[in-house]
Each structure stands twice: as structure tokens, then as C-alpha cells.
Amino acid sequence: MRRLSFIALFGLLLAGCGSQNREKLNADDLHFAAFYADYLARSGGTSEEAAAPYAELTAAGLDTLFARHKLDQKTFDARLKAYSRDPELWRKVLQEVRRNLDEQKQ
């Protein structure tokens, strides 16, 4: 019985680790991650194929992206500043960006 309890607890801990990253990000962080993933996808920053051309995002394209995500330059800059002071939070945001990019591929 003890062994079964230990196995169940271990399984719950493993399952919790997968969702732990998302739980620690607030709505602003998730919003930023969605914007940044979209930015990378549109600018060609995620291309894994060497033959894929790099597509530079124009100022107008960036403005459109900001509008689509209801984000402005001031908020974007404030989030970047916050992430520069907290590398662990930045790492979690980038993991969320990766998750968003993986979802876009599918």
C-alpha cells in the first residue's frame, strides 16, 4: 500500500511539473508570450528550415501586430524591462513562447 501511495504521489508531482510553468505566469506574461510568439513566427525567427527565407517585419507590420494583440510600445518596453530584472521569469515566458510556437505548427 505504501508503495502504491508513493507511485501515485510521484505521478502527481511529475504531472504538476508540466503545468507549473504556466501557473506561475500572470495574464500580462501570457499576453506578452502570445505576442512574442506571433512576432517570431511572422518575422521568420522560428524557421528551422535553412531554405526558408528570412522575412523582415516592417514598421507597419509591427504596428499591426501590436494592434492585433492590443499591446502598445510602452507596455512592451515595460515588460522587457521587468524580464531583464528577473531572468527566471524571462525563461518561463520563453518556454511559453516555445509552447505557443509549437501549437502554431500543428
N, C-alpha and C. Protein backbone atom coordinates (compact mmCIF):
# COMPACT_ATOMS: atom_id res chain seq x y z
N MET A 1 0.82 -1.19 0.00
CA MET A 1 0.00 0.00 0.00
C MET A 1 0.87 1.26 0.00
N ARG A 2 1.95 1.22 0.79
CA ARG A 2 2.84 2.36 0.84
C ARG A 2 3.48 2.61 -0.53
N ARG A 3 3.85 1.54 -1.18
CA ARG A 3 4.49 1.67 -2.50
C ARG A 3 3.52 2.29 -3.50
N LEU A 4 2.27 1.88 -3.47
CA LEU A 4 1.26 2.43 -4.37
C LEU A 4 1.05 3.92 -4.10
N SER A 5 1.05 4.30 -2.83
CA SER A 5 0.91 5.72 -2.47
C SER A 5 2.09 6.52 -3.00
N PHE A 6 3.29 5.96 -2.86
CA PHE A 6 4.48 6.65 -3.34
C PHE A 6 4.43 6.82 -4.86
N ILE A 7 4.03 5.79 -5.57
CA ILE A 7 3.94 5.86 -7.03
C ILE A 7 2.89 6.89 -7.45
N ALA A 8 1.76 6.91 -6.76
CA ALA A 8 0.71 7.89 -7.08
C ALA A 8 1.21 9.31 -6.81
N LEU A 9 1.89 9.52 -5.69
CA LEU A 9 2.43 10.83 -5.36
C LEU A 9 3.47 11.27 -6.39
N PHE A 10 4.34 10.36 -6.78
CA PHE A 10 5.36 10.66 -7.77
C PHE A 10 4.72 11.05 -9.11
N GLY A 11 3.68 10.33 -9.50
CA GLY A 11 2.97 10.65 -10.74
C GLY A 11 2.33 12.02 -10.69
N LEU A 12 1.75 12.37 -9.55
CA LEU A 12 1.15 13.70 -9.40
C LEU A 12 2.21 14.79 -9.46
N LEU A 13 3.36 14.54 -8.85
CA LEU A 13 4.45 15.53 -8.90
C LEU A 13 4.93 15.74 -10.33
N LEU A 14 5.08 14.66 -11.07
CA LEU A 14 5.50 14.79 -12.47
C LEU A 14 4.47 15.53 -13.29
N ALA A 15 3.22 15.23 -13.08
CA ALA A 15 2.16 15.92 -13.82
C ALA A 15 2.14 17.39 -13.46
N GLY A 16 2.37 17.71 -12.21
CA GLY A 16 2.39 19.10 -11.77
C GLY A 16 3.54 19.88 -12.35
N CYS A 17 4.67 19.25 -12.57
CA CYS A 17 5.83 19.94 -13.13
C CYS A 17 5.54 20.46 -14.52
N GLY A 18 4.77 19.75 -15.29
CA GLY A 18 4.46 20.18 -16.64
C GLY A 18 3.59 21.42 -16.68
N SER A 19 2.72 21.58 -15.72
CA SER A 19 1.83 22.74 -15.71
C SER A 19 2.34 23.86 -14.82
N GLN A 20 3.42 23.61 -14.10
CA GLN A 20 3.94 24.59 -13.16
C GLN A 20 4.34 25.88 -13.85
N ASN A 21 4.95 25.80 -15.01
CA ASN A 21 5.40 26.99 -15.73
C ASN A 21 4.24 27.92 -16.03
N ARG A 22 3.17 27.40 -16.56
CA ARG A 22 2.02 28.22 -16.94
C ARG A 22 1.36 28.84 -15.71
N GLU A 23 1.31 28.10 -14.61
CA GLU A 23 0.66 28.61 -13.40
C GLU A 23 1.39 29.82 -12.83
N LYS A 24 2.68 29.90 -12.99
CA LYS A 24 3.44 30.98 -12.40
C LYS A 24 3.43 32.24 -13.25
N LEU A 25 2.99 32.15 -14.47
CA LEU A 25 2.92 33.33 -15.33
C LEU A 25 1.58 34.01 -15.14
N ASN A 26 1.61 35.33 -14.99
CA ASN A 26 0.35 36.06 -14.86
C ASN A 26 -0.20 36.38 -16.25
N ALA A 27 -1.34 37.02 -16.28
CA ALA A 27 -2.02 37.30 -17.56
C ALA A 27 -1.15 38.18 -18.46
N ASP A 28 -0.43 39.15 -17.88
CA ASP A 28 0.44 40.01 -18.69
C ASP A 28 1.57 39.21 -19.34
N ASP A 29 2.12 38.26 -18.58
CA ASP A 29 3.20 37.43 -19.12
C ASP A 29 2.69 36.53 -20.24
N LEU A 30 1.52 35.95 -20.05
CA LEU A 30 0.94 35.10 -21.09
C LEU A 30 0.60 35.91 -22.33
N HIS A 31 0.12 37.13 -22.13
CA HIS A 31 -0.20 38.02 -23.23
C HIS A 31 1.07 38.37 -24.01
N PHE A 32 2.13 38.70 -23.29
CA PHE A 32 3.41 39.02 -23.92
C PHE A 32 3.93 37.82 -24.70
N ALA A 33 3.85 36.63 -24.10
CA ALA A 33 4.33 35.42 -24.76
C ALA A 33 3.58 35.15 -26.06
N ALA A 34 2.28 35.40 -26.06
CA ALA A 34 1.48 35.21 -27.28
C ALA A 34 1.92 36.20 -28.36
N PHE A 35 2.14 37.46 -27.96
CA PHE A 35 2.62 38.47 -28.91
C PHE A 35 3.99 38.08 -29.46
N TYR A 36 4.90 37.72 -28.57
CA TYR A 36 6.28 37.43 -28.98
C TYR A 36 6.34 36.21 -29.90
N ALA A 37 5.53 35.21 -29.61
CA ALA A 37 5.48 34.03 -30.48
C ALA A 37 4.97 34.41 -31.87
N ASP A 38 3.94 35.24 -31.91
CA ASP A 38 3.40 35.71 -33.18
C ASP A 38 4.45 36.52 -33.94
N TYR A 39 5.15 37.39 -33.21
CA TYR A 39 6.22 38.19 -33.81
C TYR A 39 7.29 37.30 -34.43
N LEU A 40 7.75 36.30 -33.68
CA LEU A 40 8.79 35.41 -34.20
C LEU A 40 8.30 34.62 -35.41
N ALA A 41 7.07 34.16 -35.36
CA ALA A 41 6.52 33.40 -36.48
C ALA A 41 6.42 34.25 -37.74
N ARG A 42 6.04 35.51 -37.59
CA ARG A 42 5.86 36.39 -38.74
C ARG A 42 7.16 36.96 -39.27
N SER A 43 8.16 37.07 -38.40
CA SER A 43 9.43 37.66 -38.83
C SER A 43 10.41 36.62 -39.35
N GLY A 44 10.02 35.36 -39.29
CA GLY A 44 10.91 34.31 -39.78
C GLY A 44 11.91 33.87 -38.74
N GLY A 45 11.76 34.31 -37.51
CA GLY A 45 12.69 33.98 -36.46
C GLY A 45 12.59 32.56 -35.95
N THR A 46 11.61 31.81 -36.42
CA THR A 46 11.44 30.44 -35.92
C THR A 46 11.73 29.40 -36.98
N SER A 47 12.16 29.82 -38.14
CA SER A 47 12.36 28.88 -39.24
C SER A 47 13.43 27.86 -38.90
N GLU A 48 13.06 26.60 -39.00
CA GLU A 48 14.03 25.53 -38.77
C GLU A 48 14.59 25.01 -40.09
N GLU A 49 14.03 25.47 -41.18
CA GLU A 49 14.49 25.02 -42.49
C GLU A 49 15.46 26.05 -43.05
N ALA A 50 16.63 25.59 -43.46
CA ALA A 50 17.65 26.50 -43.98
C ALA A 50 17.18 27.19 -45.25
N ALA A 51 16.30 26.56 -46.01
CA ALA A 51 15.85 27.12 -47.28
C ALA A 51 14.78 28.20 -47.10
N ALA A 52 14.20 28.27 -45.92
CA ALA A 52 13.13 29.26 -45.70
C ALA A 52 13.72 30.66 -45.64
N PRO A 53 13.18 31.59 -46.42
CA PRO A 53 13.73 32.94 -46.44
C PRO A 53 13.38 33.71 -45.17
N TYR A 54 14.27 34.60 -44.78
CA TYR A 54 14.04 35.47 -43.63
C TYR A 54 13.14 36.60 -44.08
N ALA A 55 12.06 36.82 -43.39
CA ALA A 55 11.11 37.87 -43.76
C ALA A 55 11.16 38.96 -42.70
N GLU A 56 11.75 40.10 -43.06
CA GLU A 56 11.84 41.20 -42.10
C GLU A 56 10.47 41.82 -41.90
N LEU A 57 10.10 42.02 -40.66
CA LEU A 57 8.82 42.62 -40.33
C LEU A 57 8.96 44.14 -40.44
N THR A 58 8.11 44.75 -41.23
CA THR A 58 8.17 46.21 -41.42
C THR A 58 7.58 46.92 -40.20
N ALA A 59 7.79 48.23 -40.13
CA ALA A 59 7.22 49.03 -39.04
C ALA A 59 5.70 48.93 -39.06
N ALA A 60 5.12 48.98 -40.26
CA ALA A 60 3.66 48.86 -40.38
C ALA A 60 3.20 47.47 -39.93
N GLY A 61 3.96 46.46 -40.29
CA GLY A 61 3.63 45.10 -39.86
C GLY A 61 3.70 44.95 -38.35
N LEU A 62 4.69 45.59 -37.75
CA LEU A 62 4.83 45.55 -36.29
C LEU A 62 3.67 46.29 -35.62
N ASP A 63 3.29 47.43 -36.19
CA ASP A 63 2.14 48.17 -35.66
C ASP A 63 0.87 47.33 -35.73
N THR A 64 0.70 46.62 -36.83
CA THR A 64 -0.46 45.74 -36.99
C THR A 64 -0.44 44.63 -35.94
N LEU A 65 0.75 44.09 -35.70
CA LEU A 65 0.89 43.04 -34.70
C LEU A 65 0.58 43.56 -33.30
N PHE A 66 1.07 44.76 -32.98
CA PHE A 66 0.75 45.38 -31.70
C PHE A 66 -0.77 45.55 -31.56
N ALA A 67 -1.41 46.04 -32.61
CA ALA A 67 -2.86 46.26 -32.57
C ALA A 67 -3.61 44.94 -32.42
N ARG A 68 -3.18 43.93 -33.15
CA ARG A 68 -3.85 42.62 -33.08
C ARG A 68 -3.81 42.06 -31.66
N HIS A 69 -2.70 42.30 -30.97
CA HIS A 69 -2.55 41.77 -29.61
C HIS A 69 -2.93 42.80 -28.54
N LYS A 70 -3.48 43.94 -29.00
CA LYS A 70 -3.88 45.01 -28.07
C LYS A 70 -2.74 45.35 -27.11
N LEU A 71 -1.59 45.61 -27.70
CA LEU A 71 -0.38 45.92 -26.97
C LEU A 71 0.20 47.21 -27.54
N ASP A 72 0.84 48.00 -26.71
CA ASP A 72 1.49 49.20 -27.22
C ASP A 72 2.98 49.15 -26.88
N GLN A 73 3.73 50.06 -27.48
CA GLN A 73 5.18 50.05 -27.31
C GLN A 73 5.58 50.27 -25.85
N LYS A 74 4.85 51.13 -25.16
CA LYS A 74 5.16 51.43 -23.76
C LYS A 74 5.02 50.18 -22.89
N THR A 75 3.93 49.45 -23.08
CA THR A 75 3.70 48.23 -22.31
C THR A 75 4.73 47.17 -22.67
N PHE A 76 5.02 47.05 -23.96
CA PHE A 76 6.03 46.10 -24.42
C PHE A 76 7.37 46.39 -23.76
N ASP A 77 7.79 47.65 -23.78
CA ASP A 77 9.07 48.04 -23.19
C ASP A 77 9.09 47.79 -21.68
N ALA A 78 7.97 48.05 -21.02
CA ALA A 78 7.89 47.81 -19.57
C ALA A 78 8.04 46.33 -19.25
N ARG A 79 7.41 45.48 -20.06
CA ARG A 79 7.54 44.03 -19.83
C ARG A 79 8.99 43.59 -20.05
N LEU A 80 9.62 44.08 -21.11
CA LEU A 80 11.02 43.71 -21.37
C LEU A 80 11.92 44.14 -20.21
N LYS A 81 11.66 45.31 -19.68
CA LYS A 81 12.45 45.81 -18.55
C LYS A 81 12.27 44.89 -17.34
N ALA A 82 11.03 44.49 -17.09
CA ALA A 82 10.75 43.58 -15.97
C ALA A 82 11.46 42.25 -16.17
N TYR A 83 11.45 41.74 -17.39
CA TYR A 83 12.10 40.46 -17.67
C TYR A 83 13.62 40.56 -17.54
N SER A 84 14.18 41.72 -17.87
CA SER A 84 15.64 41.88 -17.75
C SER A 84 16.06 41.86 -16.29
N ARG A 85 15.15 42.20 -15.38
CA ARG A 85 15.46 42.16 -13.95
C ARG A 85 15.18 40.79 -13.32
N ASP A 86 14.50 39.93 -14.05
CA ASP A 86 14.11 38.63 -13.50
C ASP A 86 14.34 37.53 -14.54
N PRO A 87 15.59 37.05 -14.65
CA PRO A 87 15.91 36.05 -15.68
C PRO A 87 15.08 34.77 -15.57
N GLU A 88 14.71 34.38 -14.36
CA GLU A 88 13.90 33.17 -14.19
C GLU A 88 12.50 33.35 -14.80
N LEU A 89 11.92 34.52 -14.59
CA LEU A 89 10.62 34.81 -15.19
C LEU A 89 10.75 34.86 -16.71
N TRP A 90 11.82 35.46 -17.22
CA TRP A 90 12.05 35.53 -18.66
C TRP A 90 12.16 34.13 -19.26
N ARG A 91 12.84 33.23 -18.54
CA ARG A 91 12.97 31.85 -19.01
C ARG A 91 11.59 31.20 -19.12
N LYS A 92 10.74 31.45 -18.14
CA LYS A 92 9.39 30.87 -18.16
C LYS A 92 8.55 31.46 -19.29
N VAL A 93 8.71 32.75 -19.52
CA VAL A 93 7.99 33.39 -20.64
C VAL A 93 8.46 32.77 -21.96
N LEU A 94 9.76 32.57 -22.10
CA LEU A 94 10.28 31.97 -23.34
C LEU A 94 9.80 30.53 -23.51
N GLN A 95 9.64 29.81 -22.42
CA GLN A 95 9.07 28.46 -22.52
C GLN A 95 7.63 28.53 -23.01
N GLU A 96 6.90 29.52 -22.55
CA GLU A 96 5.52 29.70 -23.02
C GLU A 96 5.50 30.10 -24.49
N VAL A 97 6.46 30.93 -24.90
CA VAL A 97 6.59 31.30 -26.32
C VAL A 97 6.82 30.04 -27.14
N ARG A 98 7.72 29.18 -26.69
CA ARG A 98 8.00 27.92 -27.40
C ARG A 98 6.74 27.07 -27.50
N ARG A 99 5.99 27.00 -26.41
CA ARG A 99 4.74 26.22 -26.42
C ARG A 99 3.76 26.81 -27.45
N ASN A 100 3.66 28.14 -27.48
CA ASN A 100 2.77 28.79 -28.45
C ASN A 100 3.22 28.51 -29.88
N LEU A 101 4.52 28.56 -30.12
CA LEU A 101 5.04 28.29 -31.47
C LEU A 101 4.77 26.85 -31.87
N ASP A 102 4.95 25.93 -30.93
CA ASP A 102 4.67 24.52 -31.22
C ASP A 102 3.20 24.32 -31.57
N GLU A 103 2.31 25.02 -30.87
CA GLU A 103 0.88 24.92 -31.17
C GLU A 103 0.56 25.49 -32.54
N GLN A 104 1.26 26.56 -32.94
CA GLN A 104 1.03 27.16 -34.26
C GLN A 104 1.46 26.22 -35.37
N LYS A 105 2.49 25.41 -35.13
CA LYS A 105 2.99 24.47 -36.14
C LYS A 105 1.97 23.38 -36.43
N GLN A 106 1.20 23.02 -35.43
CA GLN A 106 0.28 21.88 -35.57
C GLN A 106 -0.97 22.25 -36.26
